[in-house]
């Protein structure tokens, strides 16, 4: 195990306490209580579903971004372009969770009016687990597609340096008895958040997913820095197209500014896109749910590979983890607990109390 990595196991915390803590932190950091609650919703949702790289471990980083002026705690989100089925939101460097909450409300309202609603989210910050927002749309009986563009942190296929974003991508649809089907992926073979988490915990990095600062392949969690694209040219191609639609199309290019060394390219910036489709405009919603469930049953009944215990749907592992962690608590590694204690001390709030 690498020097400085704590070997003690994680501590369990009740999700309700964790949510209260996150809300308290960001309220003290300058957000309204409502906006701080949106951030807490997104981070705790990720922890509950086992996406710990997008959960509470992000809190210190978000505080750093607020201190640097990259996250605007009192952002003025406004509509700058509007058509019958689309909106461009200028988000004034709002927290990603706050901006995406607005995008969910706007896109679903448009979809109810005309059947489909798209929202371009311009000038925001870390989007958090994008599946959180597509699930919110699916819970309203709609299908959703969302993706986000960010600064270069992933190698382009064939290169040895960071040139693209590990752009998150999610599709969700209303489901049957098992709830929505939620695909939530990124274009990297591993996320930056998982690399950071591995560095804190000493967790091994699989082969073929990351490079070190010099562009060499590595499995060392202490030196792994640059994710490789998922599926090689497929992942880098998808990330490139996301940048062109989410960023370039709305006049807020991120990657070119960074790669060319422009001053604005050195700041933390993100853009996003969210599309909502009102299923009931195109077919009976109950019939759609029934057809989703019928297809799920058919796929789950397929002959299994010898190494596969069960055929799972997108989001099914996360839903099971949600039930387990709601019941048993959210595990947080010692290094993250220590960081969160420091945050609590800074803002004069009570530290997290374990179960």
Protein backbone atom coordinates (compact mmCIF):
# COMPACT_ATOMS: atom_id res chain seq x y z
CA UNK A 1 0.00 0.00 0.00
CA UNK A 2 1.29 3.46 -0.90
CA UNK A 3 2.75 5.67 1.79
CA UNK A 4 0.23 7.93 3.48
CA UNK A 5 -2.80 5.81 2.56
CA UNK A 6 -4.95 4.89 5.55
CA UNK A 7 -5.90 1.21 5.67
CA UNK A 8 -8.78 1.50 8.12
CA UNK A 9 -12.16 0.65 6.63
CA UNK A 10 -14.91 3.13 5.79
CA UNK A 11 -17.31 4.62 8.34
CA UNK A 12 -21.07 4.29 7.85
CA UNK A 13 -23.30 7.37 7.92
CA UNK A 14 -27.07 7.67 7.63
CA UNK A 15 -28.02 9.23 4.30
CA UNK A 16 -30.37 11.68 6.02
CA UNK A 17 -27.54 12.95 8.21
CA UNK A 18 -25.25 13.16 5.22
CA UNK A 19 -27.85 15.19 3.31
CA UNK A 20 -28.27 17.57 6.23
CA UNK A 21 -24.49 17.98 6.51
CA UNK A 22 -24.03 18.76 2.81
CA UNK A 23 -26.90 21.26 2.87
CA UNK A 24 -25.42 22.94 5.93
CA UNK A 25 -21.95 23.19 4.36
CA UNK A 26 -23.10 24.86 1.16
CA UNK A 27 -25.52 27.16 2.94
CA UNK A 28 -22.56 28.36 5.03
CA UNK A 29 -20.56 28.64 1.80
CA UNK A 30 -23.02 31.21 0.49
CA UNK A 31 -25.80 29.33 -1.30
CA UNK A 32 -29.46 29.68 -0.49
CA UNK A 33 -30.78 26.78 1.57
CA UNK A 34 -32.79 25.61 -1.44
CA UNK A 35 -29.79 25.57 -3.77
CA UNK A 36 -27.61 23.89 -1.15
CA UNK A 37 -30.33 21.25 -0.91
CA UNK A 38 -30.11 20.61 -4.67
CA UNK A 39 -26.36 20.02 -4.31
CA UNK A 40 -27.02 17.67 -1.39
CA UNK A 41 -29.66 15.81 -3.41
CA UNK A 42 -27.17 15.16 -6.22
CA UNK A 43 -24.20 14.14 -4.06
CA UNK A 44 -26.17 11.89 -1.70
CA UNK A 45 -28.01 10.30 -4.65
CA UNK A 46 -24.63 9.29 -6.05
CA UNK A 47 -23.42 7.89 -2.72
CA UNK A 48 -26.62 5.92 -2.21
CA UNK A 49 -26.32 4.32 -5.64
CA UNK A 50 -22.66 3.38 -5.15
CA UNK A 51 -21.24 6.17 -7.33
CA UNK A 52 -18.98 7.38 -4.55
CA UNK A 53 -16.65 9.23 -6.93
CA UNK A 54 -19.53 11.69 -7.48
CA UNK A 55 -20.71 11.80 -3.88
CA UNK A 56 -19.57 13.45 -0.65
CA UNK A 57 -15.91 13.23 -1.63
CA UNK A 58 -16.63 16.11 -4.04
CA UNK A 59 -17.42 18.55 -1.21
CA UNK A 60 -13.85 19.84 -0.62
CA UNK A 61 -13.36 20.32 -4.36
CA UNK A 62 -16.61 22.28 -4.64
CA UNK A 63 -15.51 24.50 -1.75
CA UNK A 64 -12.20 25.12 -3.54
CA UNK A 65 -14.12 26.14 -6.66
CA UNK A 66 -16.27 28.54 -4.64
CA UNK A 67 -13.14 30.04 -3.06
CA UNK A 68 -11.60 30.49 -6.52
CA UNK A 69 -14.73 32.18 -7.86
CA UNK A 70 -15.37 29.39 -10.34
CA UNK A 71 -18.64 28.35 -8.67
CA UNK A 72 -20.95 31.32 -8.14
CA UNK A 73 -22.96 30.63 -4.99
CA UNK A 74 -25.52 33.30 -5.92
CA UNK A 75 -25.71 32.75 -9.66
CA UNK A 76 -28.35 34.50 -11.74
CA UNK A 77 -29.65 31.85 -14.15
CA UNK A 78 -31.44 33.41 -17.11
CA UNK A 79 -32.92 32.43 -20.48
CA UNK A 80 -30.90 33.87 -23.37
CA UNK A 81 -32.52 32.01 -26.29
CA UNK A 82 -35.96 30.44 -26.53
CA UNK A 83 -37.96 28.57 -29.18
CA UNK A 84 -41.19 26.57 -28.77
CA UNK A 85 -39.17 23.41 -27.96
CA UNK A 86 -35.82 24.66 -26.69
CA UNK A 87 -34.10 27.03 -24.29
CA UNK A 88 -30.55 28.19 -23.76
CA UNK A 89 -29.83 28.95 -20.11
CA UNK A 90 -26.92 31.17 -19.15
CA UNK A 91 -26.12 29.78 -15.72
CA UNK A 92 -23.65 32.41 -14.49
CA UNK A 93 -21.23 29.73 -13.18
CA UNK A 94 -23.90 28.15 -10.98
CA UNK A 95 -23.27 24.88 -9.24
CA UNK A 96 -23.99 22.10 -11.73
CA UNK A 97 -26.70 20.60 -9.54
CA UNK A 98 -28.49 23.95 -9.33
CA UNK A 99 -28.24 24.52 -13.09
CA UNK A 100 -29.41 21.00 -13.94
CA UNK A 101 -32.34 21.25 -11.51
CA UNK A 102 -33.47 24.29 -13.51
CA UNK A 103 -32.91 22.37 -16.75
CA UNK A 104 -35.14 19.51 -15.55
CA UNK A 105 -37.95 21.92 -14.71
CA UNK A 106 -37.64 23.80 -18.00
CA UNK A 107 -37.28 20.76 -20.28
CA UNK A 108 -40.24 18.90 -18.79
CA UNK A 109 -42.42 22.02 -18.98
CA UNK A 110 -41.61 22.40 -22.67
CA UNK A 111 -42.22 18.69 -23.30
CA UNK A 112 -45.67 18.91 -21.73
CA UNK A 113 -46.52 21.76 -24.09
CA UNK A 114 -45.13 20.48 -27.40
CA UNK A 115 -44.03 16.88 -26.76
CA UNK A 116 -40.30 17.51 -26.59
CA UNK A 117 -38.16 20.00 -24.68
CA UNK A 118 -34.43 20.64 -24.92
CA UNK A 119 -32.34 22.82 -22.63
CA UNK A 120 -28.77 23.91 -23.29
CA UNK A 121 -27.05 24.62 -19.98
CA UNK A 122 -24.30 27.18 -20.64
CA UNK A 123 -21.60 28.38 -18.23
CA UNK A 124 -22.11 26.01 -15.34
CA UNK A 125 -19.75 23.93 -13.18
CA UNK A 126 -19.36 20.26 -12.24
CA UNK A 127 -22.59 18.61 -13.34
CA UNK A 128 -22.54 15.83 -10.70
CA UNK A 129 -24.02 12.40 -11.52
CA UNK A 130 -26.02 13.20 -14.64
CA UNK A 131 -28.25 10.14 -14.14
CA UNK A 132 -29.74 11.92 -11.14
CA UNK A 133 -31.35 14.41 -13.50
CA UNK A 134 -32.48 12.01 -16.22
CA UNK A 135 -34.13 9.94 -13.48
CA UNK A 136 -36.04 13.03 -12.35
CA UNK A 137 -37.38 13.38 -15.88
CA UNK A 138 -38.22 9.67 -16.15
CA UNK A 139 -40.08 9.84 -12.83
CA UNK A 140 -42.44 12.28 -14.56
CA UNK A 141 -43.32 9.77 -17.27
CA UNK A 142 -40.86 11.12 -19.81
CA UNK A 143 -37.75 9.85 -21.57
CA UNK A 144 -34.55 11.85 -21.14
CA UNK A 145 -31.14 12.26 -22.74
CA UNK A 146 -28.42 14.32 -21.04
CA UNK A 147 -24.72 14.92 -21.44
CA UNK A 148 -22.10 17.37 -20.28
CA UNK A 149 -18.90 18.93 -21.59
CA UNK A 150 -15.96 20.03 -19.46
CA UNK A 151 -12.25 20.91 -19.45
CA UNK A 152 -9.68 18.47 -20.91
CA UNK A 153 -8.91 15.63 -18.51
CA UNK A 154 -8.94 12.58 -20.81
CA UNK A 155 -6.61 11.55 -23.61
CA UNK A 156 -7.79 11.67 -27.21
CA UNK A 157 -7.38 8.22 -28.78
CA UNK A 158 -3.80 7.92 -29.98
CA UNK A 159 -2.50 10.86 -27.91
CA UNK A 160 -0.60 10.87 -24.59
CA UNK A 161 -2.02 14.05 -23.05
CA UNK A 162 -5.38 15.26 -21.76
CA UNK A 163 -7.35 16.76 -24.66
CA UNK A 164 -11.01 15.83 -24.07
CA UNK A 165 -13.48 15.59 -21.22
CA UNK A 166 -14.69 12.33 -19.69
CA UNK A 167 -18.10 13.64 -20.73
CA UNK A 168 -21.00 12.14 -18.74
CA UNK A 169 -23.86 10.71 -20.79
CA UNK A 170 -27.21 9.41 -19.59
CA UNK A 171 -30.46 8.10 -21.07
CA UNK A 172 -33.46 7.26 -18.90
CA UNK A 173 -36.96 6.03 -19.67
CA UNK A 174 -39.98 5.28 -17.49
CA UNK A 175 -40.03 1.61 -16.58
CA UNK A 176 -42.44 -0.96 -15.27
CA UNK A 177 -42.52 -2.38 -11.76
CA UNK A 178 -38.74 -2.04 -11.42
CA UNK A 179 -38.79 1.71 -11.97
CA UNK A 180 -36.98 3.74 -14.63
CA UNK A 181 -34.24 2.25 -16.79
CA UNK A 182 -31.21 4.55 -16.37
CA UNK A 183 -28.03 4.38 -18.42
CA UNK A 184 -25.40 6.60 -16.75
CA UNK A 185 -21.91 6.39 -18.21
CA UNK A 186 -18.92 8.55 -19.12
CA UNK A 187 -16.70 8.52 -22.18
CA UNK A 188 -13.61 7.58 -20.15
CA UNK A 189 -12.48 4.04 -19.37
CA UNK A 190 -12.37 5.31 -15.77
CA UNK A 191 -13.63 8.57 -14.28
CA UNK A 192 -11.40 11.27 -12.84
CA UNK A 193 -13.39 10.94 -9.63
CA UNK A 194 -12.49 7.26 -9.38
CA UNK A 195 -8.84 8.07 -9.92
CA UNK A 196 -9.01 10.59 -7.08
CA UNK A 197 -10.83 8.11 -4.90
CA UNK A 198 -8.22 5.42 -5.63
CA UNK A 199 -5.43 7.83 -4.73
CA UNK A 200 -7.03 8.46 -1.34
CA UNK A 201 -7.75 4.81 -0.58
CA UNK A 202 -4.83 3.02 -2.29
CA UNK A 203 -7.26 1.07 -4.46
CA UNK A 204 -5.57 -0.55 -7.48
CA UNK A 205 -6.10 0.89 -10.96
CA UNK A 206 -6.93 -1.67 -13.69
CA UNK A 207 -4.59 -1.99 -16.64
CA UNK A 208 -5.35 -0.05 -19.78
CA UNK A 209 -7.50 2.73 -18.29
CA UNK A 210 -5.12 5.55 -17.28
CA UNK A 211 -1.86 7.35 -18.00
CA UNK A 212 0.51 9.16 -15.66
CA UNK A 213 1.51 12.83 -16.06
CA UNK A 214 4.14 11.85 -18.65
CA UNK A 215 1.64 9.95 -20.79
CA UNK A 216 2.79 6.48 -19.74
CA UNK A 217 0.32 3.68 -18.96
CA UNK A 218 0.09 3.02 -15.22
CA UNK A 219 -1.82 1.02 -12.61
CA UNK A 220 -0.37 2.99 -9.66
CA UNK A 221 -3.22 4.89 -7.93
CA UNK A 222 -0.74 7.52 -6.75
CA UNK A 223 0.42 8.44 -10.27
CA UNK A 224 -2.61 7.64 -12.45
CA UNK A 225 -3.81 11.01 -13.72
CA UNK A 226 -5.24 10.90 -17.25
CA UNK A 227 -8.09 8.51 -18.15
CA UNK A 228 -8.05 6.79 -21.50
CA UNK A 229 -11.22 6.94 -23.65
CA UNK A 230 -13.74 4.12 -23.32
CA UNK A 231 -13.50 1.91 -26.39
CA UNK A 232 -10.60 3.91 -27.80
CA UNK A 233 -11.78 5.94 -30.82
CA UNK A 234 -15.44 5.39 -29.87
CA UNK A 235 -15.09 7.11 -26.50
CA UNK A 236 -12.97 9.96 -27.80
CA UNK A 237 -15.28 10.48 -30.78
CA UNK A 238 -18.34 10.63 -28.54
CA UNK A 239 -16.64 13.11 -26.20
CA UNK A 240 -15.67 15.31 -29.14
CA UNK A 241 -19.25 15.40 -30.44
CA UNK A 242 -20.58 16.23 -26.98
CA UNK A 243 -18.24 19.23 -26.83
CA UNK A 244 -19.43 20.39 -30.25
CA UNK A 245 -23.11 20.25 -29.24
CA UNK A 246 -23.05 21.17 -25.54
CA UNK A 247 -20.35 23.85 -25.77
CA UNK A 248 -19.52 25.10 -29.26
CA UNK A 249 -23.15 25.25 -30.38
CA UNK A 250 -24.02 27.70 -27.58
CA UNK A 251 -20.97 29.88 -27.94
CA UNK A 252 -19.06 28.68 -24.89
CA UNK A 253 -16.23 26.49 -26.24
CA UNK A 254 -14.13 24.86 -23.53
CA UNK A 255 -11.64 22.44 -25.03
CA UNK A 256 -10.16 24.67 -27.75
CA UNK A 257 -9.62 27.50 -25.25
CA UNK A 258 -7.80 25.11 -22.93
CA UNK A 259 -5.69 23.43 -25.61
CA UNK A 260 -4.67 26.77 -27.11
CA UNK A 261 -3.71 28.14 -23.69
CA UNK A 262 -6.32 30.92 -23.62
CA UNK A 263 -6.82 32.55 -20.17
CA UNK A 264 -10.46 31.40 -19.97
CA UNK A 265 -9.32 27.86 -20.74
CA UNK A 266 -7.58 27.67 -17.36
CA UNK A 267 -10.83 28.08 -15.42
CA UNK A 268 -13.14 25.30 -14.32
CA UNK A 269 -16.08 25.47 -16.72
CA UNK A 270 -18.79 23.13 -17.91
CA UNK A 271 -21.80 23.08 -20.22
CA UNK A 272 -24.60 20.53 -20.48
CA UNK A 273 -27.61 19.49 -22.53
CA UNK A 274 -30.88 17.90 -21.38
CA UNK A 275 -33.67 16.62 -23.61
CA UNK A 276 -37.09 15.54 -22.28
CA UNK A 277 -39.62 13.58 -24.37
CA UNK A 278 -43.21 13.32 -23.18
CA UNK A 279 -43.99 9.65 -23.87
CA UNK A 280 -47.76 10.21 -23.66
CA UNK A 281 -47.60 12.46 -26.73
CA UNK A 282 -46.54 9.49 -28.83
CA UNK A 283 -48.12 6.46 -27.20
CA UNK A 284 -50.08 5.49 -24.09
CA UNK A 285 -47.73 5.79 -21.11
CA UNK A 286 -48.99 2.63 -19.43
CA UNK A 287 -48.52 0.70 -22.67
CA UNK A 288 -44.98 2.07 -22.96
CA UNK A 289 -44.18 0.94 -19.41
CA UNK A 290 -45.61 -2.49 -20.19
CA UNK A 291 -43.48 -2.78 -23.32
CA UNK A 292 -40.37 -1.76 -21.39
CA UNK A 293 -41.11 -4.44 -18.80
CA UNK A 294 -41.79 -7.03 -21.51
CA UNK A 295 -38.41 -6.37 -23.14
CA UNK A 296 -36.64 -6.48 -19.77
CA UNK A 297 -38.18 -9.89 -19.04
CA UNK A 298 -37.14 -11.20 -22.45
CA UNK A 299 -33.53 -10.05 -22.03
CA UNK A 300 -33.25 -11.37 -18.48
CA UNK A 301 -34.48 -14.77 -19.71
CA UNK A 302 -31.64 -15.07 -22.26
CA UNK A 303 -29.10 -17.90 -21.83
CA UNK A 304 -26.33 -16.64 -19.57
CA UNK A 305 -22.61 -16.75 -20.02
CA UNK A 306 -20.98 -19.21 -17.62
CA UNK A 307 -19.34 -16.38 -15.67
CA UNK A 308 -22.60 -14.37 -15.35
CA UNK A 309 -24.79 -14.94 -12.32
CA UNK A 310 -27.56 -12.61 -13.47
CA UNK A 311 -28.31 -10.42 -16.48
CA UNK A 312 -28.83 -6.88 -15.24
CA UNK A 313 -30.45 -3.80 -16.72
CA UNK A 314 -28.84 -0.33 -16.76
CA UNK A 315 -29.25 1.19 -13.31
CA UNK A 316 -30.30 -2.06 -11.64
CA UNK A 317 -27.14 -2.39 -9.53
CA UNK A 318 -27.53 1.22 -8.44
CA UNK A 319 -31.14 0.66 -7.40
CA UNK A 320 -30.14 -2.33 -5.28
CA UNK A 321 -27.29 -0.37 -3.72
CA UNK A 322 -29.75 2.42 -2.95
CA UNK A 323 -31.92 0.02 -0.95
CA UNK A 324 -28.92 -1.40 0.89
CA UNK A 325 -27.30 1.91 1.77
CA UNK A 326 -30.59 3.52 2.76
CA UNK A 327 -30.97 0.66 5.23
CA UNK A 328 -27.36 0.13 6.37
CA UNK A 329 -25.74 3.53 5.83
CA UNK A 330 -23.37 5.19 3.36
CA UNK A 331 -19.71 4.07 3.67
CA UNK A 332 -17.17 6.91 3.53
CA UNK A 333 -13.41 6.20 3.47
CA UNK A 334 -11.23 7.55 6.32
CA UNK A 335 -9.41 10.04 4.09
CA UNK A 336 -12.71 11.57 2.99
CA UNK A 337 -14.07 11.60 6.56
CA UNK A 338 -10.96 13.53 7.59
CA UNK A 339 -11.47 16.06 4.79
CA UNK A 340 -15.13 16.50 5.70
CA UNK A 341 -14.19 17.08 9.34
CA UNK A 342 -11.90 19.86 8.15
CA UNK A 343 -14.75 21.39 6.15
CA UNK A 344 -17.03 21.21 9.19
CA UNK A 345 -14.40 22.97 11.30
CA UNK A 346 -13.95 25.72 8.76
CA UNK A 347 -17.66 26.54 8.67
CA UNK A 348 -18.30 25.98 12.37
CA UNK A 349 -20.82 23.19 11.95
CA UNK A 350 -21.13 19.86 13.70
CA UNK A 351 -19.09 17.07 12.05
CA UNK A 352 -20.81 14.03 10.62
CA UNK A 353 -21.93 11.57 13.27
CA UNK A 354 -21.58 7.92 12.22
CA UNK A 355 -24.20 5.24 12.71
